[in-house]
């Protein structure tokens, strides 16, 4: 395992997809000391994502990538946080990280390329 932060966000979504497909845990760090990112819930009755809470510094597990999630949200990342399910809008994630080099480095994934024996 290695920290993907040295590579920035180039191909991060593709790397997340490959890890999920291969049953590797996707440990995702969300970090920005000056901003918060929205975490959404999915309402099964309305079929819409609704705001639940926000965070500025948090490790989560990404468990699914949903493309064309809704008219308001393009790509949503389904996450597990302290045993609860939330969703992160991937476009909002890039706005959250912004131009801060520290946030770009720290907001990233642990890249696992092969299973431990």
PDB file of N, CA and C in Angstrom:
ATOM      1  N   UNK A   1       0.843  -1.174   0.000  1.00  0.00           N
ATOM      2  CA  UNK A   1       0.000   0.000   0.000  1.00  0.00           C
ATOM      3  C   UNK A   1       0.888   1.237   0.000  1.00  0.00           C
ATOM      4  N   UNK A   2       0.408   2.284  -0.672  1.00  0.00           N
ATOM      5  CA  UNK A   2       1.148   3.542  -0.678  1.00  0.00           C
ATOM      6  C   UNK A   2       0.172   4.702  -0.805  1.00  0.00           C
ATOM      7  N   UNK A   3       0.629   5.844  -0.389  1.00  0.00           N
ATOM      8  CA  UNK A   3      -0.194   7.049  -0.433  1.00  0.00           C
ATOM      9  C   UNK A   3      -0.238   7.562  -1.867  1.00  0.00           C
ATOM     10  N   UNK A   4      -1.420   7.798  -2.396  1.00  0.00           N
ATOM     11  CA  UNK A   4      -1.583   8.274  -3.766  1.00  0.00           C
ATOM     12  C   UNK A   4      -1.380   9.779  -3.881  1.00  0.00           C
ATOM     13  N   UNK A   5      -1.273  10.480  -2.764  1.00  0.00           N
ATOM     14  CA  UNK A   5      -1.190  11.935  -2.771  1.00  0.00           C
ATOM     15  C   UNK A   5      -0.049  12.504  -3.578  1.00  0.00           C
ATOM     16  N   UNK A   6       1.050  11.755  -3.688  1.00  0.00           N
ATOM     17  CA  UNK A   6       2.174  12.267  -4.467  1.00  0.00           C
ATOM     18  C   UNK A   6       1.842  12.354  -5.955  1.00  0.00           C
ATOM     19  N   UNK A   7       0.795  11.681  -6.383  1.00  0.00           N
ATOM     20  CA  UNK A   7       0.352  11.716  -7.775  1.00  0.00           C
ATOM     21  C   UNK A   7      -0.802  12.682  -7.993  1.00  0.00           C
ATOM     22  N   UNK A   8      -1.178  13.427  -6.971  1.00  0.00           N
ATOM     23  CA  UNK A   8      -2.307  14.337  -7.089  1.00  0.00           C
ATOM     24  C   UNK A   8      -3.594  13.557  -7.301  1.00  0.00           C
ATOM     25  N   UNK A   9      -4.493  14.119  -8.092  1.00  0.00           N
ATOM     26  CA  UNK A   9      -5.781  13.468  -8.325  1.00  0.00           C
ATOM     27  C   UNK A   9      -5.875  12.835  -9.708  1.00  0.00           C
ATOM     28  N   UNK A  10      -4.747  12.792 -10.414  1.00  0.00           N
ATOM     29  CA  UNK A  10      -4.745  12.205 -11.746  1.00  0.00           C
ATOM     30  C   UNK A  10      -5.169  10.734 -11.654  1.00  0.00           C
ATOM     31  N   UNK A  11      -6.200  10.388 -12.368  1.00  0.00           N
ATOM     32  CA  UNK A  11      -6.719   9.015 -12.432  1.00  0.00           C
ATOM     33  C   UNK A  11      -7.194   8.466 -11.087  1.00  0.00           C
ATOM     34  N   UNK A  12      -7.443   9.315 -10.109  1.00  0.00           N
ATOM     35  CA  UNK A  12      -7.860   8.827  -8.796  1.00  0.00           C
ATOM     36  C   UNK A  12      -9.182   8.062  -8.874  1.00  0.00           C
ATOM     37  N   UNK A  13     -10.122   8.572  -9.644  1.00  0.00           N
ATOM     38  CA  UNK A  13     -11.415   7.896  -9.757  1.00  0.00           C
ATOM     39  C   UNK A  13     -11.249   6.516 -10.397  1.00  0.00           C
ATOM     40  N   UNK A  14     -10.418   6.423 -11.421  1.00  0.00           N
ATOM     41  CA  UNK A  14     -10.146   5.134 -12.063  1.00  0.00           C
ATOM     42  C   UNK A  14      -9.491   4.173 -11.080  1.00  0.00           C
ATOM     43  N   UNK A  15      -8.563   4.677 -10.285  1.00  0.00           N
ATOM     44  CA  UNK A  15      -7.898   3.843  -9.282  1.00  0.00           C
ATOM     45  C   UNK A  15      -8.904   3.358  -8.243  1.00  0.00           C
ATOM     46  N   UNK A  16      -9.814   4.234  -7.844  1.00  0.00           N
ATOM     47  CA  UNK A  16     -10.855   3.838  -6.883  1.00  0.00           C
ATOM     48  C   UNK A  16     -11.722   2.724  -7.476  1.00  0.00           C
ATOM     49  N   UNK A  17     -12.124   2.893  -8.735  1.00  0.00           N
ATOM     50  CA  UNK A  17     -12.947   1.877  -9.407  1.00  0.00           C
ATOM     51  C   UNK A  17     -12.250   0.521  -9.443  1.00  0.00           C
ATOM     52  N   UNK A  18     -10.975   0.516  -9.800  1.00  0.00           N
ATOM     53  CA  UNK A  18     -10.229  -0.742  -9.874  1.00  0.00           C
ATOM     54  C   UNK A  18     -10.112  -1.406  -8.513  1.00  0.00           C
ATOM     55  N   UNK A  19      -9.878  -0.614  -7.491  1.00  0.00           N
ATOM     56  CA  UNK A  19      -9.771  -1.184  -6.154  1.00  0.00           C
ATOM     57  C   UNK A  19     -11.111  -1.770  -5.699  1.00  0.00           C
ATOM     58  N   UNK A  20     -12.204  -1.042  -5.935  1.00  0.00           N
ATOM     59  CA  UNK A  20     -13.532  -1.547  -5.561  1.00  0.00           C
ATOM     60  C   UNK A  20     -13.836  -2.832  -6.329  1.00  0.00           C
ATOM     61  N   UNK A  21     -13.557  -2.830  -7.620  1.00  0.00           N
ATOM     62  CA  UNK A  21     -13.808  -4.003  -8.469  1.00  0.00           C
ATOM     63  C   UNK A  21     -13.039  -5.230  -7.970  1.00  0.00           C
ATOM     64  N   UNK A  22     -11.840  -5.014  -7.430  1.00  0.00           N
ATOM     65  CA  UNK A  22     -10.998  -6.107  -6.958  1.00  0.00           C
ATOM     66  C   UNK A  22     -11.135  -6.366  -5.454  1.00  0.00           C
ATOM     67  N   UNK A  23     -12.182  -5.816  -4.854  1.00  0.00           N
ATOM     68  CA  UNK A  23     -12.471  -6.011  -3.428  1.00  0.00           C
ATOM     69  C   UNK A  23     -11.356  -5.527  -2.506  1.00  0.00           C
ATOM     70  N   UNK A  24     -10.650  -4.465  -2.902  1.00  0.00           N
ATOM     71  CA  UNK A  24      -9.673  -3.825  -2.031  1.00  0.00           C
ATOM     72  C   UNK A  24     -10.370  -2.679  -1.312  1.00  0.00           C
ATOM     73  N   UNK A  25     -10.057  -2.447  -0.065  1.00  0.00           N
ATOM     74  CA  UNK A  25     -10.653  -1.298   0.621  1.00  0.00           C
ATOM     75  C   UNK A  25     -10.122   0.009   0.029  1.00  0.00           C
ATOM     76  N   UNK A  26     -11.000   0.978  -0.144  1.00  0.00           N
ATOM     77  CA  UNK A  26     -10.603   2.297  -0.638  1.00  0.00           C
ATOM     78  C   UNK A  26     -10.676   3.254   0.549  1.00  0.00           C
ATOM     79  N   UNK A  27      -9.532   3.502   1.140  1.00  0.00           N
ATOM     80  CA  UNK A  27      -9.441   4.413   2.278  1.00  0.00           C
ATOM     81  C   UNK A  27      -9.169   5.795   1.708  1.00  0.00           C
ATOM     82  N   UNK A  28     -10.116   6.699   1.946  1.00  0.00           N
ATOM     83  CA  UNK A  28     -10.095   8.017   1.318  1.00  0.00           C
ATOM     84  C   UNK A  28     -10.021   9.075   2.403  1.00  0.00           C
ATOM     85  N   UNK A  29      -9.016   9.895   2.317  1.00  0.00           N
ATOM     86  CA  UNK A  29      -8.850  10.997   3.253  1.00  0.00           C
ATOM     87  C   UNK A  29      -9.488  12.248   2.668  1.00  0.00           C
ATOM     88  N   UNK A  30     -10.330  12.889   3.449  1.00  0.00           N
ATOM     89  CA  UNK A  30     -10.930  14.174   3.077  1.00  0.00           C
ATOM     90  C   UNK A  30     -10.306  15.216   3.992  1.00  0.00           C
ATOM     91  N   UNK A  31      -9.548  16.161   3.420  1.00  0.00           N
ATOM     92  CA  UNK A  31      -8.851  17.120   4.263  1.00  0.00           C
ATOM     93  C   UNK A  31      -8.801  18.502   3.627  1.00  0.00           C
ATOM     94  N   UNK A  32      -9.291  19.462   4.360  1.00  0.00           N
ATOM     95  CA  UNK A  32      -9.114  20.869   4.048  1.00  0.00           C
ATOM     96  C   UNK A  32      -9.377  21.630   5.348  1.00  0.00           C
ATOM     97  N   UNK A  33      -8.365  22.290   5.903  1.00  0.00           N
ATOM     98  CA  UNK A  33      -8.559  22.960   7.193  1.00  0.00           C
ATOM     99  C   UNK A  33      -9.458  24.190   7.127  1.00  0.00           C
ATOM    100  N   UNK A  34      -9.755  24.679   5.918  1.00  0.00           N
ATOM    101  CA  UNK A  34     -10.531  25.922   5.788  1.00  0.00           C
ATOM    102  C   UNK A  34     -11.932  25.741   5.211  1.00  0.00           C
ATOM    103  N   UNK A  35     -12.228  24.567   4.689  1.00  0.00           N
ATOM    104  CA  UNK A  35     -13.538  24.329   4.066  1.00  0.00           C
ATOM    105  C   UNK A  35     -14.126  23.031   4.581  1.00  0.00           C
ATOM    106  N   UNK A  36     -15.427  22.895   4.388  1.00  0.00           N
ATOM    107  CA  UNK A  36     -16.108  21.642   4.698  1.00  0.00           C
ATOM    108  C   UNK A  36     -16.706  21.079   3.422  1.00  0.00           C
ATOM    109  N   UNK A  37     -16.829  19.760   3.390  1.00  0.00           N
ATOM    110  CA  UNK A  37     -17.449  19.098   2.251  1.00  0.00           C
ATOM    111  C   UNK A  37     -18.783  18.512   2.699  1.00  0.00           C
ATOM    112  N   UNK A  38     -19.774  18.613   1.835  1.00  0.00           N
ATOM    113  CA  UNK A  38     -21.101  18.077   2.139  1.00  0.00           C
ATOM    114  C   UNK A  38     -21.111  16.560   2.022  1.00  0.00           C
ATOM    115  N   UNK A  39     -21.790  15.929   2.958  1.00  0.00           N
ATOM    116  CA  UNK A  39     -22.069  14.501   2.893  1.00  0.00           C
ATOM    117  C   UNK A  39     -23.574  14.359   2.746  1.00  0.00           C
ATOM    118  N   UNK A  40     -23.992  13.555   1.790  1.00  0.00           N
ATOM    119  CA  UNK A  40     -25.407  13.407   1.455  1.00  0.00           C
ATOM    120  C   UNK A  40     -25.925  12.027   1.850  1.00  0.00           C
ATOM    121  N   UNK A  41     -27.232  11.957   2.039  1.00  0.00           N
ATOM    122  CA  UNK A  41     -27.942  10.687   2.192  1.00  0.00           C
ATOM    123  C   UNK A  41     -28.794  10.502   0.953  1.00  0.00           C
ATOM    124  N   UNK A  42     -29.201   9.262   0.706  1.00  0.00           N
ATOM    125  CA  UNK A  42     -30.077   8.991  -0.428  1.00  0.00           C
ATOM    126  C   UNK A  42     -31.467   8.662   0.099  1.00  0.00           C
ATOM    127  N   UNK A  43     -32.461   9.391  -0.389  1.00  0.00           N
ATOM    128  CA  UNK A  43     -33.844   9.171   0.007  1.00  0.00           C
ATOM    129  C   UNK A  43     -34.470   8.208  -0.999  1.00  0.00           C
ATOM    130  N   UNK A  44     -34.736   6.980  -0.562  1.00  0.00           N
ATOM    131  CA  UNK A  44     -35.309   5.963  -1.458  1.00  0.00           C
ATOM    132  C   UNK A  44     -36.691   6.349  -1.968  1.00  0.00           C
ATOM    133  N   UNK A  45     -37.446   7.087  -1.177  1.00  0.00           N
ATOM    134  CA  UNK A  45     -38.799   7.470  -1.602  1.00  0.00           C
ATOM    135  C   UNK A  45     -38.777   8.481  -2.741  1.00  0.00           C
ATOM    136  N   UNK A  46     -37.949   9.500  -2.620  1.00  0.00           N
ATOM    137  CA  UNK A  46     -37.907  10.540  -3.656  1.00  0.00           C
ATOM    138  C   UNK A  46     -36.869  10.246  -4.734  1.00  0.00           C
ATOM    139  N   UNK A  47     -35.919   9.349  -4.441  1.00  0.00           N
ATOM    140  CA  UNK A  47     -34.851   9.070  -5.390  1.00  0.00           C
ATOM    141  C   UNK A  47     -33.836  10.194  -5.486  1.00  0.00           C
ATOM    142  N   UNK A  48     -33.775  11.032  -4.453  1.00  0.00           N
ATOM    143  CA  UNK A  48     -32.883  12.186  -4.468  1.00  0.00           C
ATOM    144  C   UNK A  48     -31.841  12.099  -3.350  1.00  0.00           C
ATOM    145  N   UNK A  49     -30.736  12.791  -3.575  1.00  0.00           N
ATOM    146  CA  UNK A  49     -29.704  12.929  -2.554  1.00  0.00           C
ATOM    147  C   UNK A  49     -30.005  14.177  -1.743  1.00  0.00           C
ATOM    148  N   UNK A  50     -29.969  14.049  -0.436  1.00  0.00           N
ATOM    149  CA  UNK A  50     -30.256  15.181   0.436  1.00  0.00           C
ATOM    150  C   UNK A  50     -29.074  15.414   1.377  1.00  0.00           C
ATOM    151  N   UNK A  51     -28.834  16.671   1.670  1.00  0.00           N
ATOM    152  CA  UNK A  51     -27.741  17.041   2.570  1.00  0.00           C
ATOM    153  C   UNK A  51     -27.962  16.419   3.945  1.00  0.00           C
ATOM    154  N   UNK A  52     -26.885  15.829   4.500  1.00  0.00           N
ATOM    155  CA  UNK A  52     -26.965  15.242   5.839  1.00  0.00           C
ATOM    156  C   UNK A  52     -26.073  15.955   6.834  1.00  0.00           C
ATOM    157  N   UNK A  53     -24.815  16.136   6.473  1.00  0.00           N
ATOM    158  CA  UNK A  53     -23.834  16.738   7.371  1.00  0.00           C
ATOM    159  C   UNK A  53     -22.648  17.187   6.542  1.00  0.00           C
ATOM    160  N   UNK A  54     -21.624  17.677   7.199  1.00  0.00           N
ATOM    161  CA  UNK A  54     -20.406  18.074   6.489  1.00  0.00           C
ATOM    162  C   UNK A  54     -19.195  17.798   7.383  1.00  0.00           C
ATOM    163  N   UNK A  55     -18.026  17.795   6.764  1.00  0.00           N
ATOM    164  CA  UNK A  55     -16.786  17.561   7.495  1.00  0.00           C
ATOM    165  C   UNK A  55     -15.652  18.281   6.782  1.00  0.00           C
ATOM    166  N   UNK A  56     -14.575  18.544   7.516  1.00  0.00           N
ATOM    167  CA  UNK A  56     -13.401  19.103   6.851  1.00  0.00           C
ATOM    168  C   UNK A  56     -12.209  18.158   6.919  1.00  0.00           C
ATOM    169  N   UNK A  57     -12.155  17.280   7.920  1.00  0.00           N
ATOM    170  CA  UNK A  57     -11.043  16.341   8.070  1.00  0.00           C
ATOM    171  C   UNK A  57     -11.603  14.998   8.484  1.00  0.00           C
ATOM    172  N   UNK A  58     -11.495  14.010   7.585  1.00  0.00           N
ATOM    173  CA  UNK A  58     -12.108  12.730   7.926  1.00  0.00           C
ATOM    174  C   UNK A  58     -11.602  11.637   6.979  1.00  0.00           C
ATOM    175  N   UNK A  59     -11.363  10.449   7.530  1.00  0.00           N
ATOM    176  CA  UNK A  59     -11.090   9.273   6.705  1.00  0.00           C
ATOM    177  C   UNK A  59     -12.392   8.509   6.530  1.00  0.00           C
ATOM    178  N   UNK A  60     -12.646   8.056   5.297  1.00  0.00           N
ATOM    179  CA  UNK A  60     -13.843   7.281   4.993  1.00  0.00           C
ATOM    180  C   UNK A  60     -13.448   6.106   4.113  1.00  0.00           C
ATOM    181  N   UNK A  61     -14.362   5.168   3.947  1.00  0.00           N
ATOM    182  CA  UNK A  61     -14.181   4.067   2.994  1.00  0.00           C
ATOM    183  C   UNK A  61     -15.115   4.302   1.817  1.00  0.00           C
ATOM    184  N   UNK A  62     -14.555   4.406   0.624  1.00  0.00           N
ATOM    185  CA  UNK A  62     -15.369   4.510  -0.592  1.00  0.00           C
ATOM    186  C   UNK A  62     -15.795   3.103  -0.977  1.00  0.00           C
ATOM    187  N   UNK A  63     -17.100   2.906  -1.207  1.00  0.00           N
ATOM    188  CA  UNK A  63     -17.589   1.554  -1.465  1.00  0.00           C
ATOM    189  C   UNK A  63     -18.296   1.402  -2.820  1.00  0.00           C
ATOM    190  N   UNK A  64     -18.608   2.519  -3.469  1.00  0.00           N
ATOM    191  CA  UNK A  64     -19.268   2.436  -4.778  1.00  0.00           C
ATOM    192  C   UNK A  64     -19.149   3.777  -5.478  1.00  0.00           C
ATOM    193  N   UNK A  65     -19.061   3.735  -6.805  1.00  0.00           N
ATOM    194  CA  UNK A  65     -19.055   4.940  -7.625  1.00  0.00           C
ATOM    195  C   UNK A  65     -20.310   4.917  -8.480  1.00  0.00           C
ATOM    196  N   UNK A  66     -21.075   5.991  -8.416  1.00  0.00           N
ATOM    197  CA  UNK A  66     -22.347   6.072  -9.127  1.00  0.00           C
ATOM    198  C   UNK A  66     -22.260   7.212 -10.139  1.00  0.00           C
ATOM    199  N   UNK A  67     -22.294   6.866 -11.418  1.00  0.00           N
ATOM    200  CA  UNK A  67     -22.247   7.866 -12.480  1.00  0.00           C
ATOM    201  C   UNK A  67     -23.669   8.312 -12.810  1.00  0.00           C
ATOM    202  N   UNK A  68     -23.802   9.565 -13.244  1.00  0.00           N
ATOM    203  CA  UNK A  68     -25.113  10.135 -13.584  1.00  0.00           C
ATOM    204  C   UNK A  68     -26.108   9.860 -12.475  1.00  0.00           C
ATOM    205  N   UNK A  69     -25.698  10.175 -11.266  1.00  0.00           N
ATOM    206  CA  UNK A  69     -26.480   9.842 -10.079  1.00  0.00           C
ATOM    207  C   UNK A  69     -27.839  10.535 -10.051  1.00  0.00           C
ATOM    208  N   UNK A  70     -27.888  11.799 -10.436  1.00  0.00           N
ATOM    209  CA  UNK A  70     -29.155  12.537 -10.462  1.00  0.00           C
ATOM    210  C   UNK A  70     -28.950  13.789 -11.295  1.00  0.00           C
ATOM    211  N   UNK A  71     -30.020  14.548 -11.483  1.00  0.00           N
ATOM    212  CA  UNK A  71     -29.886  15.781 -12.261  1.00  0.00           C
ATOM    213  C   UNK A  71     -29.022  16.805 -11.539  1.00  0.00           C
ATOM    214  N   UNK A  72     -28.984  16.750 -10.213  1.00  0.00           N
ATOM    215  CA  UNK A  72     -28.196  17.707  -9.438  1.00  0.00           C
ATOM    216  C   UNK A  72     -26.772  17.231  -9.163  1.00  0.00           C
ATOM    217  N   UNK A  73     -26.537  15.945  -9.276  1.00  0.00           N
ATOM    218  CA  UNK A  73     -25.228  15.380  -8.940  1.00  0.00           C
ATOM    219  C   UNK A  73     -24.791  14.416 -10.037  1.00  0.00           C
ATOM    220  N   UNK A  74     -23.635  14.712 -10.629  1.00  0.00           N
ATOM    221  CA  UNK A  74     -23.117  13.842 -11.682  1.00  0.00           C
ATOM    222  C   UNK A  74     -22.593  12.535 -11.117  1.00  0.00           C
ATOM    223  N   UNK A  75     -21.392  12.554 -10.614  1.00  0.00           N
ATOM    224  CA  UNK A  75     -20.771  11.359 -10.063  1.00  0.00           C
ATOM    225  C   UNK A  75     -20.789  11.437  -8.542  1.00  0.00           C
ATOM    226  N   UNK A  76     -21.363  10.427  -7.927  1.00  0.00           N
ATOM    227  CA  UNK A  76     -21.425  10.362  -6.468  1.00  0.00           C
ATOM    228  C   UNK A  76     -20.592   9.167  -6.002  1.00  0.00           C
ATOM    229  N   UNK A  77     -19.845   9.367  -4.928  1.00  0.00           N
ATOM    230  CA  UNK A  77     -19.075   8.295  -4.321  1.00  0.00           C
ATOM    231  C   UNK A  77     -19.811   7.878  -3.054  1.00  0.00           C
ATOM    232  N   UNK A  78     -20.237   6.630  -3.013  1.00  0.00           N
ATOM    233  CA  UNK A  78     -20.892   6.086  -1.830  1.00  0.00           C
ATOM    234  C   UNK A  78     -19.803   5.738  -0.821  1.00  0.00           C
ATOM    235  N   UNK A  79     -19.952   6.246   0.402  1.00  0.00           N
ATOM    236  CA  UNK A  79     -18.928   6.037   1.416  1.00  0.00           C
ATOM    237  C   UNK A  79     -19.533   5.461   2.689  1.00  0.00           C
ATOM    238  N   UNK A  80     -18.666   4.870   3.469  1.00  0.00           N
ATOM    239  CA  UNK A  80     -19.026   4.422   4.811  1.00  0.00           C
ATOM    240  C   UNK A  80     -18.210   5.252   5.786  1.00  0.00           C
ATOM    241  N   UNK A  81     -18.908   5.835   6.754  1.00  0.00           N
ATOM    242  CA  UNK A  81     -18.263   6.657   7.770  1.00  0.00           C
ATOM    243  C   UNK A  81     -18.845   6.299   9.123  1.00  0.00           C
ATOM    244  N   UNK A  82     -18.033   5.725   9.992  1.00  0.00           N
ATOM    245  CA  UNK A  82     -18.481   5.309  11.323  1.00  0.00           C
ATOM    246  C   UNK A  82     -19.743   4.456  11.245  1.00  0.00           C
ATOM    247  N   UNK A  83     -19.805   3.550  10.271  1.00  0.00           N
ATOM    248  CA  UNK A  83     -20.921   2.629  10.143  1.00  0.00           C
ATOM    249  C   UNK A  83     -22.154   3.208   9.475  1.00  0.00           C
ATOM    250  N   UNK A  84     -22.079   4.425   9.006  1.00  0.00           N
ATOM    251  CA  UNK A  84     -23.207   5.050   8.303  1.00  0.00           C
ATOM    252  C   UNK A  84     -22.852   5.242   6.835  1.00  0.00           C
ATOM    253  N   UNK A  85     -23.870   5.224   6.010  1.00  0.00           N
ATOM    254  CA  UNK A  85     -23.685   5.403   4.568  1.00  0.00           C
ATOM    255  C   UNK A  85     -23.981   6.854   4.199  1.00  0.00           C
ATOM    256  N   UNK A  86     -23.046   7.450   3.469  1.00  0.00           N
ATOM    257  CA  UNK A  86     -23.208   8.799   2.935  1.00  0.00           C
ATOM    258  C   UNK A  86     -22.739   8.785   1.482  1.00  0.00           C
ATOM    259  N   UNK A  87     -22.897   9.930   0.829  1.00  0.00           N
ATOM    260  CA  UNK A  87     -22.461  10.099  -0.549  1.00  0.00           C
ATOM    261  C   UNK A  87     -21.714  11.422  -0.665  1.00  0.00           C
ATOM    262  N   UNK A  88     -20.653  11.419  -1.461  1.00  0.00           N
ATOM    263  CA  UNK A  88     -19.880  12.625  -1.739  1.00  0.00           C
ATOM    264  C   UNK A  88     -19.992  12.921  -3.224  1.00  0.00           C
ATOM    265  N   UNK A  89     -20.362  14.154  -3.550  1.00  0.00           N
ATOM    266  CA  UNK A  89     -20.402  14.591  -4.946  1.00  0.00           C
ATOM    267  C   UNK A  89     -18.954  14.815  -5.390  1.00  0.00           C
ATOM    268  N   UNK A  90     -18.521  14.089  -6.409  1.00  0.00           N
ATOM    269  CA  UNK A  90     -17.118  14.135  -6.831  1.00  0.00           C
ATOM    270  C   UNK A  90     -16.718  15.522  -7.342  1.00  0.00           C
ATOM    271  N   UNK A  91     -17.625  16.235  -8.004  1.00  0.00           N
ATOM    272  CA  UNK A  91     -17.324  17.600  -8.445  1.00  0.00           C
ATOM    273  C   UNK A  91     -17.171  18.532  -7.244  1.00  0.00           C
ATOM    274  N   UNK A  92     -18.031  18.373  -6.249  1.00  0.00           N
ATOM    275  CA  UNK A  92     -17.915  19.172  -5.030  1.00  0.00           C
ATOM    276  C   UNK A  92     -16.603  18.867  -4.310  1.00  0.00           C
ATOM    277  N   UNK A  93     -16.157  17.629  -4.416  1.00  0.00           N
ATOM    278  CA  UNK A  93     -14.889  17.238  -3.800  1.00  0.00           C
ATOM    279  C   UNK A  93     -13.735  18.072  -4.359  1.00  0.00           C
ATOM    280  N   UNK A  94     -13.698  18.273  -5.676  1.00  0.00           N
ATOM    281  CA  UNK A  94     -12.622  19.070  -6.270  1.00  0.00           C
ATOM    282  C   UNK A  94     -12.716  20.530  -5.859  1.00  0.00           C
ATOM    283  N   UNK A  95     -13.922  21.058  -5.714  1.00  0.00           N
ATOM    284  CA  UNK A  95     -14.075  22.420  -5.206  1.00  0.00           C
ATOM    285  C   UNK A  95     -13.615  22.507  -3.761  1.00  0.00           C
ATOM    286  N   UNK A  96     -13.902  21.487  -2.992  1.00  0.00           N
ATOM    287  CA  UNK A  96     -13.498  21.419  -1.583  1.00  0.00           C
ATOM    288  C   UNK A  96     -11.974  21.412  -1.453  1.00  0.00           C
ATOM    289  N   UNK A  97     -11.306  20.627  -2.268  1.00  0.00           N
ATOM    290  CA  UNK A  97      -9.841  20.556  -2.228  1.00  0.00           C
ATOM    291  C   UNK A  97      -9.248  21.887  -2.691  1.00  0.00           C
ATOM    292  N   UNK A  98      -9.826  22.470  -3.734  1.00  0.00           N
ATOM    293  CA  UNK A  98      -9.374  23.767  -4.225  1.00  0.00           C
ATOM    294  C   UNK A  98      -7.954  23.760  -4.753  1.00  0.00           C
ATOM    295  N   UNK A  99      -7.284  24.890  -4.615  1.00  0.00           N
ATOM    296  CA  UNK A  99      -5.926  25.038  -5.139  1.00  0.00           C
ATOM    297  C   UNK A  99      -4.849  24.831  -4.081  1.00  0.00           C
ATOM    298  N   UNK A 100      -5.237  24.462  -2.890  1.00  0.00           N
ATOM    299  CA  UNK A 100      -4.277  24.254  -1.821  1.00  0.00           C
ATOM    300  C   UNK A 100      -3.443  23.002  -2.088  1.00  0.00           C
ATOM    301  N   UNK A 101      -2.129  23.164  -2.181  1.00  0.00           N
ATOM    302  CA  UNK A 101      -1.250  22.012  -2.405  1.00  0.00           C
ATOM    303  C   UNK A 101      -1.339  21.029  -1.240  1.00  0.00           C
ATOM    304  N   UNK A 102      -1.470  21.554  -0.030  1.00  0.00           N
ATOM    305  CA  UNK A 102      -1.589  20.686   1.141  1.00  0.00           C
ATOM    306  C   UNK A 102      -2.864  19.853   1.070  1.00  0.00           C
ATOM    307  N   UNK A 103      -3.985  20.474   0.723  1.00  0.00           N
ATOM    308  CA  UNK A 103      -5.248  19.740   0.622  1.00  0.00           C
ATOM    309  C   UNK A 103      -5.220  18.740  -0.528  1.00  0.00           C
ATOM    310  N   UNK A 104      -4.590  19.114  -1.651  1.00  0.00           N
ATOM    311  CA  UNK A 104      -4.490  18.188  -2.778  1.00  0.00           C
ATOM    312  C   UNK A 104      -3.687  16.953  -2.403  1.00  0.00           C
ATOM    313  N   UNK A 105      -2.624  17.160  -1.627  1.00  0.00           N
ATOM    314  CA  UNK A 105      -1.796  16.032  -1.213  1.00  0.00           C
ATOM    315  C   UNK A 105      -2.513  15.189  -0.157  1.00  0.00           C
ATOM    316  N   UNK A 106      -3.104  15.848   0.828  1.00  0.00           N
ATOM    317  CA  UNK A 106      -3.710  15.130   1.964  1.00  0.00           C
ATOM    318  C   UNK A 106      -5.082  14.543   1.654  1.00  0.00           C
ATOM    319  N   UNK A 107      -5.817  15.129   0.733  1.00  0.00           N
ATOM    320  CA  UNK A 107      -7.128  14.603   0.339  1.00  0.00           C
ATOM    321  C   UNK A 107      -6.912  13.619  -0.796  1.00  0.00           C
ATOM    322  N   UNK A 108      -6.785  12.358  -0.451  1.00  0.00           N
ATOM    323  CA  UNK A 108      -6.459  11.374  -1.463  1.00  0.00           C
ATOM    324  C   UNK A 108      -6.755   9.988  -0.920  1.00  0.00           C
ATOM    325  N   UNK A 109      -6.283   8.970  -1.622  1.00  0.00           N
ATOM    326  CA  UNK A 109      -6.555   7.589  -1.237  1.00  0.00           C
ATOM    327  C   UNK A 109      -5.263   6.845  -0.911  1.00  0.00           C
ATOM    328  N   UNK A 110      -5.412   5.777  -0.157  1.00  0.00           N
ATOM    329  CA  UNK A 110      -4.328   4.836   0.025  1.00  0.00           C
ATOM    330  C   UNK A 110      -4.473   3.826  -1.107  1.00  0.00           C
ATOM    331  N   UNK A 111      -3.465   3.749  -1.943  1.00  0.00           N
ATOM    332  CA  UNK A 111      -3.513   2.892  -3.122  1.00  0.00           C
ATOM    333  C   UNK A 111      -2.996   1.498  -2.763  1.00  0.00           C
ATOM    334  N   UNK A 112      -3.865   0.519  -2.945  1.00  0.00           N
ATOM    335  CA  UNK A 112      -3.498  -0.881  -2.697  1.00  0.00           C
ATOM    336  C   UNK A 112      -3.487  -1.575  -4.056  1.00  0.00           C
ATOM    337  N   UNK A 113      -2.339  -2.133  -4.409  1.00  0.00           N
ATOM    338  CA  UNK A 113      -2.206  -2.701  -5.747  1.00  0.00           C
ATOM    339  C   UNK A 113      -2.221  -4.222  -5.749  1.00  0.00           C
ATOM    340  N   UNK A 114      -1.959  -4.860  -4.621  1.00  0.00           N
ATOM    341  CA  UNK A 114      -2.081  -6.319  -4.589  1.00  0.00           C
ATOM    342  C   UNK A 114      -2.406  -6.768  -3.177  1.00  0.00           C
ATOM    343  N   UNK A 115      -3.014  -7.925  -3.097  1.00  0.00           N
ATOM    344  CA  UNK A 115      -3.454  -8.461  -1.813  1.00  0.00           C
ATOM    345  C   UNK A 115      -2.281  -8.976  -1.002  1.00  0.00           C
ATOM    346  N   UNK A 116      -2.430  -8.851   0.306  1.00  0.00           N
ATOM    347  CA  UNK A 116      -1.452  -9.436   1.214  1.00  0.00           C
ATOM    348  C   UNK A 116      -1.657 -10.923   1.275  1.00  0.00           C
ATOM    349  N   UNK A 117      -0.607 -11.660   1.404  1.00  0.00           N
ATOM    350  CA  UNK A 117      -0.695 -13.122   1.480  1.00  0.00           C
ATOM    351  C   UNK A 117      -0.775 -13.572   2.906  1.00  0.00           C
TER     352      UNK A 117
END
